[in-house]
C-alpha atoms as a PDB file:
ATOM      1  CA  MET A   1       0.000   0.000   0.000  1.00  0.00           C
ATOM      2  CA  THR A   2       1.324   3.431  -0.926  1.00  0.00           C
ATOM      3  CA  THR A   3      -0.372   6.707  -0.111  1.00  0.00           C
ATOM      4  CA  SER A   4       0.839  10.263   0.192  1.00  0.00           C
ATOM      5  CA  ASP A   5      -1.804  11.191   2.748  1.00  0.00           C
ATOM      6  CA  THR A   6      -0.474  12.108   6.174  1.00  0.00           C
ATOM      7  CA  GLU A   7      -2.013  13.216   9.437  1.00  0.00           C
ATOM      8  CA  ALA A   8      -0.862  15.695  12.038  1.00  0.00           C
ATOM      9  CA  GLY A   9       2.577  14.678  13.252  1.00  0.00           C
ATOM     10  CA  GLY A  10       2.897  12.029  10.547  1.00  0.00           C
ATOM     11  CA  ARG A  11       5.656  11.475   7.990  1.00  0.00           C
ATOM     12  CA  TYR A  12       7.432   8.842   5.943  1.00  0.00           C
ATOM     13  CA  VAL A  13      10.870   7.508   6.826  1.00  0.00           C
ATOM     14  CA  ASP A  14      12.983   5.719   4.195  1.00  0.00           C
ATOM     15  CA  ILE A  15      14.663   2.672   5.788  1.00  0.00           C
ATOM     16  CA  GLY A  16      16.339   1.375   2.630  1.00  0.00           C
ATOM     17  CA  ASP A  17      14.054  -1.027   0.796  1.00  0.00           C
ATOM     18  CA  THR A  18      10.795   0.648   1.847  1.00  0.00           C
ATOM     19  CA  ARG A  19       9.293   3.602   3.699  1.00  0.00           C
ATOM     20  CA  LEU A  20       7.602   3.366   7.066  1.00  0.00           C
ATOM     21  CA  TYR A  21       4.954   5.810   8.163  1.00  0.00           C
ATOM     22  CA  VAL A  22       5.318   7.235  11.669  1.00  0.00           C
ATOM     23  CA  VAL A  23       3.322   9.630  13.828  1.00  0.00           C
ATOM     24  CA  GLU A  24       5.147  11.544  16.541  1.00  0.00           C
ATOM     25  CA  ARG A  25       3.735  12.983  19.744  1.00  0.00           C
ATOM     26  CA  GLY A  26       5.680  14.770  22.471  1.00  0.00           C
ATOM     27  CA  ASP A  27       9.376  15.379  23.041  1.00  0.00           C
ATOM     28  CA  GLY A  28      12.170  13.851  25.085  1.00  0.00           C
ATOM     29  CA  TYR A  29      13.566  10.333  25.292  1.00  0.00           C
ATOM     30  CA  PRO A  30      12.257   8.377  22.271  1.00  0.00           C
ATOM     31  CA  LEU A  31       9.820   5.484  22.600  1.00  0.00           C
ATOM     32  CA  LEU A  32       9.071   3.581  19.374  1.00  0.00           C
ATOM     33  CA  VAL A  33       5.593   2.021  19.531  1.00  0.00           C
ATOM     34  CA  PHE A  34       4.532  -0.979  17.416  1.00  0.00           C
ATOM     35  CA  HIS A  35       0.917  -1.989  16.825  1.00  0.00           C
ATOM     36  CA  GLY A  36      -0.708  -5.402  16.780  1.00  0.00           C
ATOM     37  CA  GLY A  37      -2.208  -7.265  13.895  1.00  0.00           C
ATOM     38  CA  PRO A  38      -0.712  -7.887  11.459  1.00  0.00           C
ATOM     39  CA  GLY A  39      -2.810  -5.826   9.096  1.00  0.00           C
ATOM     40  CA  LEU A  40      -3.601  -2.981  11.503  1.00  0.00           C
ATOM     41  CA  ASP A  41      -1.863   0.366  11.989  1.00  0.00           C
ATOM     42  CA  HIS A  42      -0.888   2.848  14.696  1.00  0.00           C
ATOM     43  CA  HIS A  43      -4.526   3.867  15.202  1.00  0.00           C
ATOM     44  CA  SER A  44      -4.988   0.692  17.267  1.00  0.00           C
ATOM     45  CA  PHE A  45      -3.477   2.639  20.201  1.00  0.00           C
ATOM     46  CA  GLY A  46      -5.811   5.598  19.703  1.00  0.00           C
ATOM     47  CA  ASP A  47      -4.933   8.257  22.267  1.00  0.00           C
ATOM     48  CA  TYR A  48      -4.485   5.730  25.088  1.00  0.00           C
ATOM     49  CA  LEU A  49      -0.717   6.255  25.321  1.00  0.00           C
ATOM     50  CA  ASP A  50      -0.771  10.023  24.904  1.00  0.00           C
ATOM     51  CA  ALA A  51      -0.151  10.672  28.606  1.00  0.00           C
ATOM     52  CA  LEU A  52       3.389   9.406  28.012  1.00  0.00           C
ATOM     53  CA  ALA A  53       3.921  12.187  25.468  1.00  0.00           C
ATOM     54  CA  GLU A  54       3.994  14.633  28.368  1.00  0.00           C
ATOM     55  CA  GLU A  55       7.494  13.312  29.142  1.00  0.00           C
ATOM     56  CA  TYR A  56       8.601  11.162  26.209  1.00  0.00           C
ATOM     57  CA  ARG A  57       8.797  11.325  22.418  1.00  0.00           C
ATOM     58  CA  LEU A  58       6.215   8.821  21.245  1.00  0.00           C
ATOM     59  CA  ILE A  59       6.874   7.510  17.739  1.00  0.00           C
ATOM     60  CA  LEU A  60       3.941   5.370  16.623  1.00  0.00           C
ATOM     61  CA  VAL A  61       4.901   3.181  13.671  1.00  0.00           C
ATOM     62  CA  ASP A  62       2.918   1.624  10.843  1.00  0.00           C
ATOM     63  CA  GLN A  63       4.888  -1.576  10.355  1.00  0.00           C
ATOM     64  CA  ARG A  64       6.164  -2.828   7.002  1.00  0.00           C
ATOM     65  CA  SER A  65       3.350  -2.845   4.409  1.00  0.00           C
ATOM     66  CA  ASN A  66       0.820  -1.948   7.122  1.00  0.00           C
ATOM     67  CA  GLY A  67      -1.299   1.183   7.315  1.00  0.00           C
ATOM     68  CA  ARG A  68       0.151   4.123   5.409  1.00  0.00           C
ATOM     69  CA  SER A  69       3.597   2.543   5.093  1.00  0.00           C
ATOM     70  CA  ASP A  70       4.630   1.716   1.542  1.00  0.00           C
ATOM     71  CA  ARG A  71       3.916  -1.761   0.227  1.00  0.00           C
ATOM     72  CA  ALA A  72       7.198  -3.663   0.388  1.00  0.00           C
ATOM     73  CA  PRO A  73       7.910  -6.898  -1.560  1.00  0.00           C
ATOM     74  CA  GLU A  74       5.752  -9.706  -0.194  1.00  0.00           C
ATOM     75  CA  ASP A  75       8.735 -11.946   0.515  1.00  0.00           C
ATOM     76  CA  THR A  76       9.841  -9.385   3.126  1.00  0.00           C
ATOM     77  CA  TRP A  77       6.605  -9.687   5.124  1.00  0.00           C
ATOM     78  CA  THR A  78       8.213 -11.699   7.920  1.00  0.00           C
ATOM     79  CA  LEU A  79       8.588 -11.336  11.653  1.00  0.00           C
ATOM     80  CA  ARG A  80      12.381 -11.344  11.353  1.00  0.00           C
ATOM     81  CA  GLN A  81      12.333  -8.539   8.788  1.00  0.00           C
ATOM     82  CA  MET A  82       9.871  -6.444  10.784  1.00  0.00           C
ATOM     83  CA  ALA A  83      12.165  -6.888  13.794  1.00  0.00           C
ATOM     84  CA  ALA A  84      15.145  -5.725  11.730  1.00  0.00           C
ATOM     85  CA  ASP A  85      13.099  -2.698  10.641  1.00  0.00           C
ATOM     86  CA  VAL A  86      13.059  -1.489  14.257  1.00  0.00           C
ATOM     87  CA  GLY A  87      16.783  -0.763  14.282  1.00  0.00           C
ATOM     88  CA  SER A  88      16.758   0.562  10.718  1.00  0.00           C
ATOM     89  CA  LEU A  89      14.056   3.042  11.623  1.00  0.00           C
ATOM     90  CA  ALA A  90      15.865   4.131  14.794  1.00  0.00           C
ATOM     91  CA  ARG A  91      19.050   4.766  12.827  1.00  0.00           C
ATOM     92  CA  GLU A  92      17.271   6.734  10.106  1.00  0.00           C
ATOM     93  CA  LEU A  93      15.665   8.865  12.805  1.00  0.00           C
ATOM     94  CA  ASP A  94      19.103   9.254  14.446  1.00  0.00           C
ATOM     95  CA  LEU A  95      17.641   8.338  17.819  1.00  0.00           C
ATOM     96  CA  GLY A  96      20.779   7.150  19.587  1.00  0.00           C
ATOM     97  CA  ARG A  97      19.431   5.578  22.788  1.00  0.00           C
ATOM     98  CA  TYR A  98      15.771   4.645  22.565  1.00  0.00           C
ATOM     99  CA  ALA A  99      13.110   2.365  24.006  1.00  0.00           C
ATOM    100  CA  VAL A 100      10.560   0.215  22.192  1.00  0.00           C
ATOM    101  CA  LEU A 101       7.047  -0.896  23.114  1.00  0.00           C
ATOM    102  CA  GLY A 102       5.073  -3.476  21.190  1.00  0.00           C
ATOM    103  CA  HIS A 103       1.587  -4.785  21.890  1.00  0.00           C
ATOM    104  CA  SER A 104       0.243  -8.173  20.725  1.00  0.00           C
ATOM    105  CA  TYR A 105       1.868  -8.849  17.323  1.00  0.00           C
ATOM    106  CA  GLY A 106       3.933  -5.719  17.976  1.00  0.00           C
ATOM    107  CA  ALA A 107       5.178  -7.499  21.117  1.00  0.00           C
ATOM    108  CA  PHE A 108       6.364 -10.363  18.894  1.00  0.00           C
ATOM    109  CA  VAL A 109       8.267  -7.806  16.801  1.00  0.00           C
ATOM    110  CA  VAL A 110      10.044  -6.035  19.658  1.00  0.00           C
ATOM    111  CA  LEU A 111      10.889  -9.320  21.394  1.00  0.00           C
ATOM    112  CA  GLN A 112      12.324 -10.747  18.164  1.00  0.00           C
ATOM    113  CA  HIS A 113      14.285  -7.515  17.775  1.00  0.00           C
ATOM    114  CA  ALA A 114      15.655  -7.827  21.317  1.00  0.00           C
ATOM    115  CA  VAL A 115      16.820 -11.392  20.658  1.00  0.00           C
ATOM    116  CA  ASP A 116      18.269 -10.753  17.196  1.00  0.00           C
ATOM    117  CA  PHE A 117      19.868  -7.417  18.085  1.00  0.00           C
ATOM    118  CA  PRO A 118      20.650  -7.409  21.823  1.00  0.00           C
ATOM    119  CA  GLY A 119      21.149  -3.935  23.215  1.00  0.00           C
ATOM    120  CA  ASP A 120      20.074  -2.186  20.011  1.00  0.00           C
ATOM    121  CA  ALA A 121      17.128  -0.772  21.944  1.00  0.00           C
ATOM    122  CA  ALA A 122      18.170   0.408  25.394  1.00  0.00           C
ATOM    123  CA  GLN A 123      14.860  -0.758  26.888  1.00  0.00           C
ATOM    124  CA  THR A 124      12.193  -3.134  25.567  1.00  0.00           C
ATOM    125  CA  ILE A 125       8.552  -3.283  26.664  1.00  0.00           C
ATOM    126  CA  VAL A 126       6.641  -6.434  25.719  1.00  0.00           C
ATOM    127  CA  SER A 127       2.893  -5.895  26.092  1.00  0.00           C
ATOM    128  CA  SER A 128       0.623  -8.958  25.782  1.00  0.00           C
ATOM    129  CA  GLY A 129       3.187 -11.100  23.986  1.00  0.00           C
ATOM    130  CA  ILE A 130       4.581 -14.640  23.884  1.00  0.00           C
ATOM    131  CA  PRO A 131       8.069 -16.119  23.338  1.00  0.00           C
ATOM    132  CA  SER A 132       6.912 -19.237  21.453  1.00  0.00           C
ATOM    133  CA  ALA A 133       3.958 -20.351  19.357  1.00  0.00           C
ATOM    134  CA  ARG A 134       3.413 -23.189  21.853  1.00  0.00           C
ATOM    135  CA  PHE A 135       1.706 -20.681  24.119  1.00  0.00           C
ATOM    136  CA  LEU A 136      -0.998 -20.155  21.491  1.00  0.00           C
ATOM    137  CA  GLU A 137      -2.269 -23.700  21.964  1.00  0.00           C
ATOM    138  CA  GLN A 138      -4.410 -22.560  24.888  1.00  0.00           C
ATOM    139  CA  ILE A 139      -6.450 -20.205  22.669  1.00  0.00           C
ATOM    140  CA  ASP A 140      -8.679 -23.031  21.424  1.00  0.00           C
ATOM    141  CA  ARG A 141      -9.330 -24.167  24.997  1.00  0.00           C
ATOM    142  CA  ASN A 142     -10.171 -20.623  26.046  1.00  0.00           C
ATOM    143  CA  LEU A 143     -12.476 -20.218  23.077  1.00  0.00           C
ATOM    144  CA  ALA A 144     -14.271 -23.493  23.855  1.00  0.00           C
ATOM    145  CA  ALA A 145     -15.026 -22.159  27.338  1.00  0.00           C
ATOM    146  CA  PHE A 146     -15.868 -18.626  26.213  1.00  0.00           C
ATOM    147  CA  GLU A 147     -19.312 -17.370  27.219  1.00  0.00           C
ATOM    148  CA  PRO A 148     -21.879 -16.409  26.106  1.00  0.00           C
ATOM    149  CA  VAL A 149     -22.190 -18.987  23.319  1.00  0.00           C
ATOM    150  CA  GLU A 150     -23.337 -16.493  20.695  1.00  0.00           C
ATOM    151  CA  LEU A 151     -20.155 -14.489  21.190  1.00  0.00           C
ATOM    152  CA  ARG A 152     -18.090 -17.684  20.977  1.00  0.00           C
ATOM    153  CA  GLU A 153     -19.600 -18.395  17.560  1.00  0.00           C
ATOM    154  CA  GLN A 154     -19.063 -14.781  16.529  1.00  0.00           C
ATOM    155  CA  VAL A 155     -15.355 -14.876  17.407  1.00  0.00           C
ATOM    156  CA  THR A 156     -14.826 -18.267  15.768  1.00  0.00           C
ATOM    157  CA  ASP A 157     -16.399 -17.076  12.534  1.00  0.00           C
ATOM    158  CA  SER A 158     -14.323 -13.868  12.551  1.00  0.00           C
ATOM    159  CA  TRP A 159     -11.056 -15.831  12.675  1.00  0.00           C
ATOM    160  CA  VAL A 160     -12.102 -17.884   9.658  1.00  0.00           C
ATOM    161  CA  ARG A 161     -12.914 -14.709   7.740  1.00  0.00           C
ATOM    162  CA  GLU A 162      -9.394 -13.318   8.271  1.00  0.00           C
ATOM    163  CA  LYS A 163      -8.065 -15.650   5.568  1.00  0.00           C
ATOM    164  CA  TYR A 164     -10.481 -14.297   2.967  1.00  0.00           C
ATOM    165  CA  VAL A 165     -10.886 -10.618   3.843  1.00  0.00           C
ATOM    166  CA  ARG A 166     -10.800  -8.217   0.878  1.00  0.00           C
ATOM    167  CA  THR A 167     -12.098  -4.811   1.954  1.00  0.00           C
ATOM    168  CA  GLN A 168     -11.541  -2.262   4.694  1.00  0.00           C
ATOM    169  CA  GLU A 169     -15.125  -2.730   5.829  1.00  0.00           C
ATOM    170  CA  GLU A 170     -14.687  -6.493   6.177  1.00  0.00           C
ATOM    171  CA  VAL A 171     -11.623  -6.032   8.384  1.00  0.00           C
ATOM    172  CA  ALA A 172     -13.461  -3.525  10.565  1.00  0.00           C
ATOM    173  CA  GLU A 173     -16.357  -5.968  10.951  1.00  0.00           C
ATOM    174  CA  LEU A 174     -14.228  -8.940  11.938  1.00  0.00           C
ATOM    175  CA  LEU A 175     -12.214  -6.852  14.415  1.00  0.00           C
ATOM    176  CA  HIS A 176     -15.498  -5.684  15.951  1.00  0.00           C
ATOM    177  CA  ASP A 177     -16.574  -9.301  16.274  1.00  0.00           C
ATOM    178  CA  GLN A 178     -13.276 -10.294  17.960  1.00  0.00           C
ATOM    179  CA  LEU A 179     -13.071  -7.579  20.597  1.00  0.00           C
ATOM    180  CA  PRO A 180     -15.276  -9.313  23.204  1.00  0.00           C
ATOM    181  CA  PHE A 181     -12.731 -12.156  23.334  1.00  0.00           C
ATOM    182  CA  GLN A 182      -9.912  -9.669  23.957  1.00  0.00           C
ATOM    183  CA  PHE A 183     -11.488  -7.934  26.974  1.00  0.00           C
ATOM    184  CA  ALA A 184     -11.745  -9.561  30.386  1.00  0.00           C
ATOM    185  CA  ASP A 185     -15.458  -8.714  30.361  1.00  0.00           C
ATOM    186  CA  PRO A 186     -16.850  -9.619  26.923  1.00  0.00           C
ATOM    187  CA  ARG A 187     -19.685  -7.138  27.499  1.00  0.00           C
ATOM    188  CA  ASP A 188     -17.362  -4.350  28.646  1.00  0.00           C
ATOM    189  CA  PRO A 189     -18.974  -1.002  27.691  1.00  0.00           C
ATOM    190  CA  ARG A 190     -15.494   0.342  26.966  1.00  0.00           C
ATOM    191  CA  ILE A 191     -15.385  -1.798  23.821  1.00  0.00           C
ATOM    192  CA  ASP A 192     -17.582   0.739  22.039  1.00  0.00           C
ATOM    193  CA  GLU A 193     -15.472   3.566  23.430  1.00  0.00           C
ATOM    194  CA  TYR A 194     -12.304   1.863  22.193  1.00  0.00           C
ATOM    195  CA  GLU A 195     -13.711   1.597  18.678  1.00  0.00           C
ATOM    196  CA  ARG A 196     -14.565   5.300  18.686  1.00  0.00           C
ATOM    197  CA  ARG A 197     -11.155   6.348  19.973  1.00  0.00           C
ATOM    198  CA  THR A 198      -9.267   4.199  17.458  1.00  0.00           C
ATOM    199  CA  SER A 199     -11.174   5.100  14.313  1.00  0.00           C
ATOM    200  CA  GLY A 200      -9.371   6.150  11.142  1.00  0.00           C
ATOM    201  CA  ALA A 201      -7.248   3.043  10.659  1.00  0.00           C
ATOM    202  CA  ILE A 202      -6.055   1.904   7.250  1.00  0.00           C
ATOM    203  CA  TYR A 203      -6.223  -1.879   7.222  1.00  0.00           C
ATOM    204  CA  SER A 204      -3.837  -3.928   5.088  1.00  0.00           C
ATOM    205  CA  THR A 205      -6.028  -6.738   3.818  1.00  0.00           C
ATOM    206  CA  GLU A 206      -3.271  -8.578   1.945  1.00  0.00           C
ATOM    207  CA  VAL A 207      -1.026  -8.614   5.014  1.00  0.00           C
ATOM    208  CA  LEU A 208      -3.830  -9.913   7.231  1.00  0.00           C
ATOM    209  CA  ARG A 209      -4.739 -12.672   4.768  1.00  0.00           C
ATOM    210  CA  ARG A 210      -1.099 -13.738   4.434  1.00  0.00           C
ATOM    211  CA  PHE A 211      -0.354 -13.898   8.167  1.00  0.00           C
ATOM    212  CA  ALA A 212      -3.708 -15.470   9.074  1.00  0.00           C
ATOM    213  CA  SER A 213      -2.786 -18.331   6.755  1.00  0.00           C
ATOM    214  CA  GLU A 214       0.707 -18.717   8.235  1.00  0.00           C
ATOM    215  CA  GLU A 215       0.104 -18.768  12.003  1.00  0.00           C
ATOM    216  CA  TYR A 216       0.695 -15.018  12.245  1.00  0.00           C
ATOM    217  CA  GLY A 217       4.361 -15.200  11.348  1.00  0.00           C
ATOM    218  CA  GLY A 218       5.328 -17.538  14.147  1.00  0.00           C
ATOM    219  CA  ILE A 219       7.633 -16.656  17.003  1.00  0.00           C
ATOM    220  CA  GLU A 220      10.223 -19.022  18.462  1.00  0.00           C
ATOM    221  CA  VAL A 221      12.701 -17.206  20.675  1.00  0.00           C
ATOM    222  CA  GLU A 222      12.153 -18.900  24.022  1.00  0.00           C
ATOM    223  CA  ASP A 223      15.528 -20.648  23.951  1.00  0.00           C
ATOM    224  CA  ARG A 224      17.303 -17.393  23.032  1.00  0.00           C
ATOM    225  CA  LEU A 225      15.876 -15.071  25.683  1.00  0.00           C
ATOM    226  CA  GLY A 226      19.134 -15.206  27.638  1.00  0.00           C
ATOM    227  CA  ASP A 227      20.789 -13.326  24.766  1.00  0.00           C
ATOM    228  CA  VAL A 228      18.788 -10.182  25.562  1.00  0.00           C
ATOM    229  CA  THR A 229      20.992  -7.704  27.397  1.00  0.00           C
ATOM    230  CA  GLN A 230      18.729  -4.684  27.929  1.00  0.00           C
ATOM    231  CA  PRO A 231      16.092  -4.308  30.668  1.00  0.00           C
ATOM    232  CA  VAL A 232      12.766  -5.788  29.582  1.00  0.00           C
ATOM    233  CA  LEU A 233       9.353  -4.874  31.015  1.00  0.00           C
ATOM    234  CA  VAL A 234       6.682  -7.514  30.398  1.00  0.00           C
ATOM    235  CA  LEU A 235       3.038  -6.448  30.714  1.00  0.00           C
ATOM    236  CA  ALA A 236       0.246  -9.002  30.949  1.00  0.00           C
ATOM    237  CA  GLY A 237      -3.484  -9.173  31.619  1.00  0.00           C
ATOM    238  CA  ARG A 238      -4.543 -11.773  34.185  1.00  0.00           C
ATOM    239  CA  HIS A 239      -7.552 -12.740  32.028  1.00  0.00           C
ATOM    240  CA  ASP A 240      -5.848 -12.604  28.622  1.00  0.00           C
ATOM    241  CA  ARG A 241      -7.314 -15.430  26.523  1.00  0.00           C
ATOM    242  CA  THR A 242      -4.756 -14.954  23.733  1.00  0.00           C
ATOM    243  CA  CYS A 243      -1.356 -14.284  25.335  1.00  0.00           C
ATOM    244  CA  SER A 244      -1.298 -15.877  28.766  1.00  0.00           C
ATOM    245  CA  VAL A 245       0.366 -14.739  31.963  1.00  0.00           C
ATOM    246  CA  GLU A 246       2.419 -17.941  31.784  1.00  0.00           C
ATOM    247  CA  ALA A 247       3.890 -16.786  28.489  1.00  0.00           C
ATOM    248  CA  SER A 248       4.756 -13.416  29.984  1.00  0.00           C
ATOM    249  CA  GLN A 249       6.364 -15.114  32.986  1.00  0.00           C
ATOM    250  CA  ALA A 250       8.521 -17.170  30.631  1.00  0.00           C
ATOM    251  CA  ILE A 251       9.759 -13.976  28.975  1.00  0.00           C
ATOM    252  CA  ALA A 252      10.445 -12.129  32.228  1.00  0.00           C
ATOM    253  CA  GLU A 253      12.290 -15.100  33.697  1.00  0.00           C
ATOM    254  CA  GLY A 254      14.174 -15.907  30.509  1.00  0.00           C
ATOM    255  CA  VAL A 255      15.815 -12.546  29.851  1.00  0.00           C
ATOM    256  CA  ARG A 256      18.674 -11.272  31.980  1.00  0.00           C
ATOM    257  CA  GLN A 257      16.872  -8.199  33.330  1.00  0.00           C
ATOM    258  CA  GLY A 258      13.167  -8.929  33.259  1.00  0.00           C
ATOM    259  CA  GLU A 259      10.309  -7.284  35.134  1.00  0.00           C
ATOM    260  CA  LEU A 260       6.732  -8.558  35.045  1.00  0.00           C
ATOM    261  CA  VAL A 261       3.613  -6.513  35.746  1.00  0.00           C
ATOM    262  CA  VAL A 262       0.268  -8.322  35.729  1.00  0.00           C
ATOM    263  CA  PHE A 263      -2.929  -6.267  35.462  1.00  0.00           C
ATOM    264  CA  GLU A 264      -5.443  -8.164  37.539  1.00  0.00           C
ATOM    265  CA  SER A 265      -8.603  -6.789  35.907  1.00  0.00           C
ATOM    266  CA  SER A 266      -7.507  -6.984  32.263  1.00  0.00           C
ATOM    267  CA  GLY A 267      -7.670  -9.307  29.318  1.00  0.00           C
ATOM    268  CA  HIS A 268      -5.595  -8.754  26.186  1.00  0.00           C
ATOM    269  CA  MET A 269      -6.324  -5.023  25.965  1.00  0.00           C
ATOM    270  CA  THR A 270      -4.395  -3.951  29.049  1.00  0.00           C
ATOM    271  CA  PHE A 271      -3.681  -0.394  27.873  1.00  0.00           C
ATOM    272  CA  VAL A 272      -7.441   0.144  27.532  1.00  0.00           C
ATOM    273  CA  GLU A 273      -8.815  -1.853  30.449  1.00  0.00           C
ATOM    274  CA  GLU A 274      -6.408  -0.469  33.071  1.00  0.00           C
ATOM    275  CA  ASN A 275      -5.037   2.559  31.294  1.00  0.00           C
ATOM    276  CA  TYR A 276      -3.873   4.495  34.342  1.00  0.00           C
ATOM    277  CA  ALA A 277      -1.986   1.536  35.797  1.00  0.00           C
ATOM    278  CA  TYR A 278      -0.532   0.718  32.372  1.00  0.00           C
ATOM    279  CA  ILE A 279       0.797   4.230  31.849  1.00  0.00           C
ATOM    280  CA  ARG A 280       2.154   4.278  35.391  1.00  0.00           C
ATOM    281  CA  ALA A 281       4.024   0.972  34.870  1.00  0.00           C
ATOM    282  CA  VAL A 282       5.592   2.109  31.583  1.00  0.00           C
ATOM    283  CA  ARG A 283       6.546   5.490  32.991  1.00  0.00           C
ATOM    284  CA  ALA A 284       8.096   3.982  36.128  1.00  0.00           C
ATOM    285  CA  PHE A 285      10.128   1.500  34.059  1.00  0.00           C
ATOM    286  CA  LEU A 286      11.448   4.192  31.734  1.00  0.00           C
ATOM    287  CA  LEU A 287      12.222   6.488  34.651  1.00  0.00           C
ATOM    288  CA  ARG A 288      14.287   3.757  36.320  1.00  0.00           C
ATOM    289  CA  HIS A 289      16.217   2.766  33.231  1.00  0.00           C
ATOM    290  CA  ALA A 290      16.223   5.808  30.967  1.00  0.00           C
ATOM    291  CA  GLY A 291      15.661   8.736  33.282  1.00  0.00           C
ATOM    292  CA  SER A 292      13.150  11.519  32.850  1.00  0.00           C
ATOM    293  CA  GLY A 293      11.944  11.850  29.289  1.00  0.00           C
ATOM    294  CA  SER A 294      12.081  15.621  29.517  1.00  0.00           C
END
């Protein structure tokens, strides 16, 4: 996908073989932020992280071939390449020392980056992630127990549709159908609020179809976590049906300098469900390891 449209604070950054679209908010110590998906864009964070921009330079990234970023060759749509893009982007932006935060699939990206390029980022924040695809085996069990039944059927059908999606509207519909599974309370009234606050996304249908057919890129770094040299903050929701607390514990215990924060009232959408506590945990971690953003 290639488009010249930009939004306030947005611009393109050439990283060599493609251009990534980024939106910047705030000043100070840089924090690169990577969205979930694949097939989504930086809008998935809405304004939920904006409190950090009071002290830090938030750089929200549309990953390779996602959102407004240029469409790169399809053979480069891999987790390893997207992880390599993190350092390429940081160098093109001349960031020097920087931190990264990735949520869901974005957590896969920043964790892969930490393993492949230890110390490249000075701090890594893994939000609702896993270190190995083996931790995804529990999703089917969680879905089988998911109530109410009509929402279970709705979520199941939405996952099937990912492999065949063709339009922006179809992606929006299937994401709407999946959200109850991602919140601790499937009837949480904040689901509607989240959809309002994250509107405006450009969905990458080809990327979603490709990754949905290939187990979402796969991640297998569990046996390499000891290679990570920088401090790592791992954020998890106690009721996450997709990326379990056990997976987060494995990350925090596997890296050399790991810290785990579990949000007791959250599912997968921790930065929405317990936003104040989430912001406080990220800010405290960065303050300890990077100093004041300002």
